[in-house]
Amino acid sequence: MPDTSSRILVPVGESSTFRNTVAYAVREARRIAAETGEESTVHFVYPVRWQLVDESERSAADAVADALERARVWANDDLDYDDDGDLDAEDVSVSIETAVVGEDRYLFSPNDFAEVLLEYAHDRGLDRIVLDPEYQPGGSAPMLQPLEFELARSGLLVEEAPVDRVVERGRLPSRANVSKALAMFGVSFGFYLLLAGVFDTFNLVTGAVSAGVVTAVFARISFVNTPSATGTVARIARFLLYVPYLLWEIVKANFSVAYIILHPDLPIDPEMQRYRAAIWGDLSVTTLANSITLTPGTLTVDMDRDSLIIHSLTGSARDGLAGGALERAVRFVFYGRSAARIPTPAERGTIASWTDDDQTDGDE
């Protein structure tokens, strides 16, 4: 596809080259509009990894709105300014649009991000994607190259903006990289010793070597955000409170299922449900899904693009899910105490029966 495509999509995210990428996209739109005499459009689109459920997510929403507003202001400034002096802003027609995508689904992999961006592009007839060379939709985990590969498979013109990157040549590694390395080493070393069960010299040395190898290979790609010592300690403490709560829920559910099994009439009422939980992020969603599965009477069967697909054995099990106790507990672990104060799934209308039509739509 030629580079005269006048309908451009630019995924937005914080980076050192964000400003220059905006300038390049606008410059290209102006050039094409001047050459063709037709209107060009640039859409700045921010894929988000969260859902705005209550005010505890307001700061993240404000940060996204701020990034999009900066993109719009920069773009309008660039439209009014001409390096060469041979184009007048009134002589070309370029429109600027901003949008947020991904609020209605889980975004984990490069394919997930590519899917929401391509849906937006197809819905609005956009045929060119300009990527910030420092764009990382997965937080601090490198994801640009696999994202670019997934986008290129669509047949749209996909390119990285040819802008200068900031090269850091400091001798010492950044604080973010040190935090990731220490966190990865600590988790790997602790897990190795837990499996070994013996804290002798051999296991300490081999554990340190193994943890070092794992850290060197996976530290940069295993964390979406840079781990913070205070936040990690607080999350671990909340998780330690969550474990006995989950065990108690498992015990209660065991008695309930045992009663059903021993009852002469076997009073079961199985049903599949679609559950849009107010949880996002791979670790938190995995924790909720596994907690549901560990609780007898409910089973997480699959994860759709925006929901968990759950099999429940009885009406009481479904009532428990609709009450949202597990969801609030998982939010407490990962997002803090204030995040646990949200309406239940039943009150939000985010849990419902999963029909055959839903299954057909998911297969498509």
Protein backbone atom coordinates (compact mmCIF):
# COMPACT_ATOMS: atom_id res chain seq x y z
CA MET A 1 0.00 0.00 0.00
CA PRO A 2 1.55 3.37 -0.93
CA ASP A 3 2.45 5.96 1.68
CA THR A 4 -0.21 8.32 0.32
CA SER A 5 -2.79 6.89 2.71
CA SER A 6 -4.54 9.91 4.13
CA ARG A 7 -6.38 8.25 7.02
CA ILE A 8 -3.86 7.63 9.79
CA LEU A 9 -4.13 5.93 13.18
CA VAL A 10 -1.52 6.62 15.87
CA PRO A 11 -1.58 4.47 19.04
CA VAL A 12 -0.88 6.71 22.02
CA GLY A 13 1.27 6.01 25.07
CA GLU A 14 3.81 7.84 27.20
CA SER A 15 7.32 7.74 25.74
CA SER A 16 10.35 9.93 25.05
CA THR A 17 9.39 10.05 21.34
CA PHE A 18 5.67 10.67 21.76
CA ARG A 19 5.90 14.34 20.77
CA ASN A 20 7.98 13.68 17.66
CA THR A 21 5.66 10.87 16.57
CA VAL A 22 2.70 13.25 16.73
CA ALA A 23 4.64 15.76 14.62
CA TYR A 24 5.53 13.12 12.01
CA ALA A 25 1.93 11.87 11.69
CA VAL A 26 0.60 15.41 11.27
CA ARG A 27 3.32 16.29 8.79
CA GLU A 28 2.45 13.24 6.70
CA ALA A 29 -1.26 14.09 6.82
CA ARG A 30 -0.56 17.65 5.67
CA ARG A 31 1.69 16.45 2.86
CA ILE A 32 -0.89 13.99 1.55
CA ALA A 33 -3.71 16.52 1.83
CA ALA A 34 -1.65 19.03 -0.16
CA GLU A 35 -0.79 16.47 -2.85
CA THR A 36 -4.27 15.01 -3.28
CA GLY A 37 -6.45 17.98 -2.41
CA GLU A 38 -8.53 15.70 -0.19
CA GLU A 39 -9.08 15.84 3.55
CA SER A 40 -6.67 13.85 5.70
CA THR A 41 -7.40 12.65 9.21
CA VAL A 42 -5.22 11.56 12.09
CA HIS A 43 -6.72 9.52 14.92
CA PHE A 44 -4.79 9.37 18.18
CA VAL A 45 -6.01 6.25 20.00
CA TYR A 46 -5.13 5.15 23.53
CA PRO A 47 -5.65 1.41 24.32
CA VAL A 48 -6.25 1.03 28.06
CA ARG A 49 -5.67 -2.00 30.26
CA TRP A 50 -8.30 -1.15 32.87
CA GLN A 51 -11.98 -0.43 33.28
CA LEU A 52 -13.35 2.68 34.98
CA VAL A 53 -15.58 1.13 37.65
CA ASP A 54 -15.27 3.62 40.48
CA GLU A 55 -13.28 6.66 41.57
CA SER A 56 -10.25 4.51 42.53
CA GLU A 57 -9.44 4.32 38.80
CA ARG A 58 -9.97 8.04 38.23
CA SER A 59 -6.26 8.91 38.31
CA ALA A 60 -5.52 6.43 35.49
CA ALA A 61 -8.42 7.82 33.45
CA ASP A 62 -7.15 11.36 34.00
CA ALA A 63 -3.66 10.36 32.82
CA VAL A 64 -5.12 8.92 29.60
CA ALA A 65 -7.24 12.01 29.01
CA ASP A 66 -4.16 14.19 29.59
CA ALA A 67 -2.08 12.21 27.05
CA LEU A 68 -4.81 12.48 24.41
CA GLU A 69 -5.29 16.18 25.05
CA ARG A 70 -1.55 16.77 24.66
CA ALA A 71 -1.63 14.87 21.37
CA ARG A 72 -4.49 17.06 20.15
CA VAL A 73 -2.82 20.31 21.23
CA TRP A 74 0.51 19.33 19.66
CA ALA A 75 -1.22 18.27 16.45
CA ASN A 76 -3.12 21.54 16.17
CA ASP A 77 0.07 23.49 16.86
CA ASP A 78 1.85 21.55 14.11
CA LEU A 79 -1.00 22.25 11.69
CA ASP A 80 -0.51 25.98 12.27
CA TYR A 81 3.24 25.82 11.87
CA ASP A 82 5.14 25.16 8.64
CA ASP A 83 8.87 24.53 8.46
CA ASP A 84 9.13 25.25 4.75
CA GLY A 85 6.78 28.15 4.49
CA ASP A 86 5.12 26.72 1.37
CA LEU A 87 1.99 25.42 3.00
CA ASP A 88 -0.69 27.40 4.68
CA ALA A 89 -2.89 25.76 7.31
CA GLU A 90 -5.91 27.06 5.44
CA ASP A 91 -4.76 25.44 2.19
CA VAL A 92 -4.95 21.88 3.51
CA SER A 93 -7.70 20.04 5.33
CA VAL A 94 -6.56 17.82 8.19
CA SER A 95 -8.87 16.69 10.99
CA ILE A 96 -7.68 15.45 14.37
CA GLU A 97 -9.58 12.85 16.42
CA THR A 98 -8.84 11.21 19.78
CA ALA A 99 -10.33 8.08 21.31
CA VAL A 100 -9.93 5.50 24.06
CA VAL A 101 -10.27 1.80 23.19
CA GLY A 102 -10.06 -1.44 25.14
CA GLU A 103 -12.32 -0.50 28.03
CA ASP A 104 -14.71 -3.31 27.13
CA ARG A 105 -12.21 -6.20 27.13
CA TYR A 106 -9.08 -7.69 28.59
CA LEU A 107 -5.83 -6.58 26.96
CA PHE A 108 -2.91 -8.86 27.72
CA SER A 109 -1.02 -9.93 24.60
CA PRO A 110 0.13 -8.03 21.48
CA ASN A 111 -2.69 -9.74 19.62
CA ASP A 112 -5.24 -8.26 22.05
CA PHE A 113 -3.91 -4.75 21.50
CA ALA A 114 -3.73 -5.26 17.74
CA GLU A 115 -7.32 -6.49 17.69
CA VAL A 116 -8.79 -3.37 19.35
CA LEU A 117 -6.68 -1.04 17.21
CA LEU A 118 -7.62 -2.82 13.98
CA GLU A 119 -11.31 -2.85 14.90
CA TYR A 120 -11.14 0.90 15.44
CA ALA A 121 -9.29 1.38 12.14
CA HIS A 122 -11.73 -0.76 10.14
CA ASP A 123 -14.79 0.89 11.68
CA ARG A 124 -13.52 4.33 10.64
CA GLY A 125 -11.92 3.45 7.35
CA LEU A 126 -8.34 4.14 8.47
CA ASP A 127 -5.70 2.47 6.32
CA ARG A 128 -2.36 3.54 7.77
CA ILE A 129 -0.89 3.03 11.24
CA VAL A 130 2.05 5.08 12.50
CA LEU A 131 3.77 3.61 15.56
CA ASP A 132 5.86 5.50 18.08
CA PRO A 133 9.25 3.69 18.06
CA GLU A 134 9.25 3.77 21.87
CA TYR A 135 5.59 2.75 22.22
CA GLN A 136 5.04 0.04 24.85
CA PRO A 137 1.36 -0.77 25.39
CA GLY A 138 2.33 -3.51 27.87
CA GLY A 139 3.75 -1.03 30.34
CA SER A 140 7.46 -1.67 30.82
CA ALA A 141 7.38 -5.05 29.08
CA PRO A 142 8.71 -4.78 25.48
CA MET A 143 5.83 -5.38 23.10
CA LEU A 144 6.39 -3.12 20.09
CA GLN A 145 7.82 -5.66 17.63
CA PRO A 146 5.17 -8.37 18.19
CA LEU A 147 2.47 -5.68 18.08
CA GLU A 148 3.84 -4.38 14.79
CA PHE A 149 3.86 -7.93 13.41
CA GLU A 150 0.22 -8.50 14.41
CA LEU A 151 -0.86 -5.18 12.89
CA ALA A 152 1.03 -5.84 9.64
CA ARG A 153 -0.87 -9.10 9.17
CA SER A 154 -4.04 -7.08 8.61
CA GLY A 155 -2.84 -5.72 5.27
CA LEU A 156 -2.84 -2.10 6.47
CA LEU A 157 0.23 0.06 6.00
CA VAL A 158 2.16 -0.10 9.29
CA GLU A 159 5.30 1.92 9.94
CA GLU A 160 7.41 3.24 12.78
CA ALA A 161 7.75 7.00 12.84
CA PRO A 162 11.29 7.88 11.68
CA VAL A 163 12.14 10.03 14.68
CA ASP A 164 15.26 10.35 16.78
CA ARG A 165 15.33 8.27 19.94
CA VAL A 166 16.80 9.29 23.25
CA VAL A 167 19.86 7.14 23.84
CA GLU A 168 20.96 6.71 27.44
CA ARG A 169 24.60 5.84 27.90
CA GLY A 170 24.85 5.99 31.64
CA ARG A 171 27.15 3.52 33.29
CA LEU A 172 24.67 2.53 35.95
CA PRO A 173 21.41 0.72 35.14
CA SER A 174 18.21 2.62 35.74
CA ARG A 175 16.31 2.31 38.99
CA ALA A 176 13.43 0.65 37.13
CA ASN A 177 15.67 -2.08 35.75
CA VAL A 178 17.29 -2.63 39.15
CA SER A 179 13.84 -2.98 40.75
CA LYS A 180 12.77 -5.53 38.14
CA ALA A 181 15.99 -7.50 38.53
CA LEU A 182 15.77 -7.60 42.32
CA ALA A 183 12.11 -8.59 42.26
CA MET A 184 12.68 -11.34 39.68
CA PHE A 185 15.74 -12.66 41.53
CA GLY A 186 13.91 -12.70 44.85
CA VAL A 187 10.86 -14.51 43.48
CA SER A 188 12.94 -17.04 41.54
CA PHE A 189 15.34 -17.70 44.41
CA GLY A 190 12.51 -18.08 46.93
CA PHE A 191 10.59 -20.42 44.64
CA TYR A 192 13.69 -22.57 44.10
CA LEU A 193 14.30 -22.90 47.84
CA LEU A 194 10.62 -23.67 48.43
CA LEU A 195 10.82 -26.57 45.97
CA ALA A 196 14.16 -27.75 47.35
CA GLY A 197 12.91 -27.81 50.93
CA VAL A 198 16.47 -27.90 52.28
CA PHE A 199 18.56 -24.78 52.89
CA ASP A 200 22.03 -26.27 52.61
CA THR A 201 25.01 -24.77 50.80
CA PHE A 202 24.37 -26.71 47.59
CA ASN A 203 20.78 -25.55 47.26
CA LEU A 204 21.65 -21.96 48.17
CA VAL A 205 24.37 -21.81 45.51
CA THR A 206 22.43 -23.59 42.77
CA GLY A 207 19.34 -21.58 43.64
CA ALA A 208 21.26 -18.31 43.34
CA VAL A 209 22.73 -19.37 39.99
CA SER A 210 19.33 -20.46 38.65
CA ALA A 211 17.68 -17.27 39.87
CA GLY A 212 20.45 -15.24 38.24
CA VAL A 213 19.87 -16.92 34.88
CA VAL A 214 16.10 -16.40 35.12
CA THR A 215 16.63 -12.75 36.08
CA ALA A 216 18.98 -12.12 33.16
CA VAL A 217 16.55 -13.62 30.65
CA PHE A 218 13.13 -12.60 31.95
CA ALA A 219 13.45 -9.55 34.23
CA ARG A 220 12.72 -6.97 31.49
CA ILE A 221 9.72 -8.78 30.01
CA SER A 222 7.98 -10.18 33.09
CA PHE A 223 6.74 -6.95 34.66
CA VAL A 224 4.08 -4.72 33.15
CA ASN A 225 5.00 -1.95 35.59
CA THR A 226 8.16 -1.29 37.53
CA PRO A 227 7.80 -3.02 40.92
CA SER A 228 7.84 -0.77 43.96
CA ALA A 229 9.12 -2.06 47.29
CA THR A 230 6.33 -0.37 49.27
CA GLY A 231 3.60 -1.46 46.86
CA THR A 232 4.90 -5.02 46.66
CA VAL A 233 5.11 -5.42 50.43
CA ALA A 234 1.59 -4.02 50.85
CA ARG A 235 0.25 -6.34 48.14
CA ILE A 236 1.90 -9.38 49.72
CA ALA A 237 0.44 -8.43 53.10
CA ARG A 238 -3.03 -8.11 51.59
CA PHE A 239 -2.58 -11.44 49.81
CA LEU A 240 -1.71 -13.10 53.15
CA LEU A 241 -5.05 -11.82 54.45
CA TYR A 242 -6.77 -13.10 51.31
CA VAL A 243 -5.52 -16.70 51.65
CA PRO A 244 -7.44 -17.59 54.85
CA TYR A 245 -10.54 -15.89 53.43
CA LEU A 246 -10.29 -18.01 50.28
CA LEU A 247 -9.71 -21.18 52.32
CA TRP A 248 -12.85 -20.41 54.34
CA GLU A 249 -14.86 -19.94 51.15
CA ILE A 250 -13.52 -23.27 49.86
CA VAL A 251 -14.51 -25.03 53.09
CA LYS A 252 -18.05 -23.61 52.96
CA ALA A 253 -18.43 -24.57 49.30
CA ASN A 254 -17.18 -28.09 50.06
CA PHE A 255 -19.94 -28.59 52.63
CA SER A 256 -22.50 -27.25 50.15
CA VAL A 257 -21.38 -29.64 47.40
CA ALA A 258 -21.18 -32.55 49.85
CA TYR A 259 -24.80 -31.90 50.85
CA ILE A 260 -25.86 -31.96 47.19
CA ILE A 261 -24.00 -35.21 46.53
CA LEU A 262 -25.53 -36.92 49.59
CA HIS A 263 -29.03 -35.61 48.96
CA PRO A 264 -31.34 -38.28 47.47
CA ASP A 265 -32.75 -35.89 44.85
CA LEU A 266 -29.32 -34.53 43.78
CA PRO A 267 -30.61 -30.91 43.64
CA ILE A 268 -28.31 -29.46 41.00
CA ASP A 269 -29.08 -26.70 38.52
CA PRO A 270 -25.99 -26.32 36.28
CA GLU A 271 -25.60 -23.23 34.14
CA MET A 272 -22.94 -21.40 32.16
CA GLN A 273 -22.49 -17.69 32.84
CA ARG A 274 -20.57 -14.78 31.34
CA TYR A 275 -18.95 -12.72 34.07
CA ARG A 276 -17.46 -9.28 33.31
CA ALA A 277 -15.45 -8.75 36.47
CA ALA A 278 -14.06 -5.38 37.51
CA ILE A 279 -10.58 -6.88 37.41
CA TRP A 280 -7.88 -6.28 34.79
CA GLY A 281 -4.26 -7.22 34.40
CA ASP A 282 -3.02 -10.73 33.74
CA LEU A 283 -2.09 -11.60 37.35
CA SER A 284 -5.26 -10.25 38.97
CA VAL A 285 -7.56 -11.87 36.39
CA THR A 286 -5.69 -15.17 36.79
CA THR A 287 -6.06 -14.93 40.57
CA LEU A 288 -9.82 -14.38 40.33
CA ALA A 289 -10.29 -17.13 37.73
CA ASN A 290 -8.30 -19.65 39.78
CA SER A 291 -10.07 -18.65 42.99
CA ILE A 292 -13.42 -19.33 41.33
CA THR A 293 -12.16 -22.71 40.10
CA LEU A 294 -10.75 -23.67 43.53
CA THR A 295 -14.15 -23.02 45.10
CA PRO A 296 -16.26 -26.19 44.66
CA GLY A 297 -19.46 -25.62 42.70
CA THR A 298 -17.94 -23.11 40.28
CA LEU A 299 -15.43 -23.57 37.48
CA THR A 300 -13.78 -21.01 35.22
CA VAL A 301 -14.09 -22.66 31.82
CA ASP A 302 -12.64 -20.00 29.55
CA MET A 303 -11.76 -16.34 29.25
CA ASP A 304 -13.49 -14.42 26.48
CA ARG A 305 -12.19 -11.10 25.23
CA ASP A 306 -14.00 -9.19 27.97
CA SER A 307 -15.38 -11.83 30.35
CA LEU A 308 -14.80 -15.01 32.29
CA ILE A 309 -16.95 -17.95 31.21
CA ILE A 310 -18.00 -19.80 34.37
CA HIS A 311 -19.87 -23.06 34.99
CA SER A 312 -21.90 -23.06 38.20
CA LEU A 313 -23.45 -26.16 39.73
CA THR A 314 -26.27 -24.59 41.74
CA GLY A 315 -28.29 -21.43 42.09
CA SER A 316 -26.61 -20.65 45.40
CA ALA A 317 -23.21 -20.76 43.70
CA ARG A 318 -24.46 -18.28 41.11
CA ASP A 319 -25.82 -16.06 43.87
CA GLY A 320 -22.38 -16.08 45.46
CA LEU A 321 -20.77 -14.95 42.20
CA ALA A 322 -23.42 -12.26 41.69
CA GLY A 323 -22.75 -11.03 45.23
CA GLY A 324 -19.17 -10.25 44.18
CA ALA A 325 -17.41 -11.27 47.42
CA LEU A 326 -14.48 -12.93 45.63
CA GLU A 327 -14.22 -10.06 43.17
CA ARG A 328 -14.02 -7.49 45.98
CA ALA A 329 -11.42 -9.61 47.79
CA VAL A 330 -9.21 -9.82 44.70
CA ARG A 331 -9.58 -6.07 44.10
CA PHE A 332 -8.52 -5.55 47.72
CA VAL A 333 -5.36 -7.60 47.12
CA PHE A 334 -4.28 -5.87 43.91
CA TYR A 335 -5.76 -2.36 44.12
CA GLY A 336 -6.12 -1.64 47.82
CA ARG A 337 -8.89 -1.25 50.37
CA SER A 338 -10.75 1.59 48.69
CA ALA A 339 -11.02 -0.39 45.44
CA ALA A 340 -13.04 -3.10 47.20
CA ARG A 341 -15.95 -0.72 47.73
CA ILE A 342 -17.78 -1.19 44.44
CA PRO A 343 -21.28 -2.31 43.45
CA THR A 344 -21.78 -6.05 43.09
CA PRO A 345 -21.78 -7.73 39.66
CA ALA A 346 -25.56 -8.12 39.97
CA GLU A 347 -25.97 -4.39 40.64
CA ARG A 348 -23.66 -3.51 37.73
CA GLY A 349 -25.39 -6.01 35.42
CA THR A 350 -22.10 -7.66 34.48
CA ILE A 351 -23.06 -11.29 35.04
CA ALA A 352 -25.58 -13.17 32.90
CA SER A 353 -26.34 -16.55 31.37
CA TRP A 354 -24.03 -17.67 28.56
CA THR A 355 -26.20 -18.79 25.66
CA ASP A 356 -25.48 -20.77 22.51
CA ASP A 357 -25.55 -17.49 20.58
CA ASP A 358 -22.75 -16.18 22.81
CA GLN A 359 -20.69 -19.25 22.03
CA THR A 360 -21.24 -18.76 18.29
CA ASP A 361 -20.20 -15.11 18.52
CA GLY A 362 -17.09 -16.05 20.47
CA ASP A 363 -16.08 -18.63 17.86
CA GLU A 364 -16.39 -16.02 15.13
